[in-house]
Amino acid sequence: MSKRIEYSLRILHYSLYANHVSPLS
């Protein structure tokens, strides 16, 4: 597996998490 794909997935997960936490803050 390409490390770039893994990194992209991590960014995606982080973005989604941030979106869910943003309104909560």
Protein backbone atom coordinates (compact mmCIF):
# COMPACT_ATOMS: atom_id res chain seq x y z
CA MET A 1 0.00 0.00 0.00
CA SER A 2 1.23 3.50 -0.79
CA LYS A 3 2.09 5.65 2.20
CA ARG A 4 0.48 8.61 0.43
CA ILE A 5 -2.90 6.85 0.47
CA GLU A 6 -2.57 6.11 4.17
CA TYR A 7 -1.68 9.74 4.84
CA SER A 8 -4.64 10.98 2.77
CA LEU A 9 -6.99 8.71 4.69
CA ARG A 10 -5.61 10.06 7.96
CA ILE A 11 -6.24 13.62 6.80
CA LEU A 12 -9.77 12.69 5.79
CA HIS A 13 -10.52 11.09 9.15
CA TYR A 14 -9.02 14.08 10.97
CA SER A 15 -11.09 16.51 8.89
CA LEU A 16 -14.30 14.62 9.61
CA TYR A 17 -13.45 14.47 13.32
CA ALA A 18 -12.67 18.19 13.39
CA ASN A 19 -16.00 18.96 11.69
CA HIS A 20 -17.85 16.98 14.36
CA VAL A 21 -15.92 18.62 17.21
CA SER A 22 -16.02 22.16 15.81
CA PRO A 23 -19.70 22.80 16.60
CA LEU A 24 -19.25 21.17 20.00
CA SER A 25 -16.44 23.46 21.10
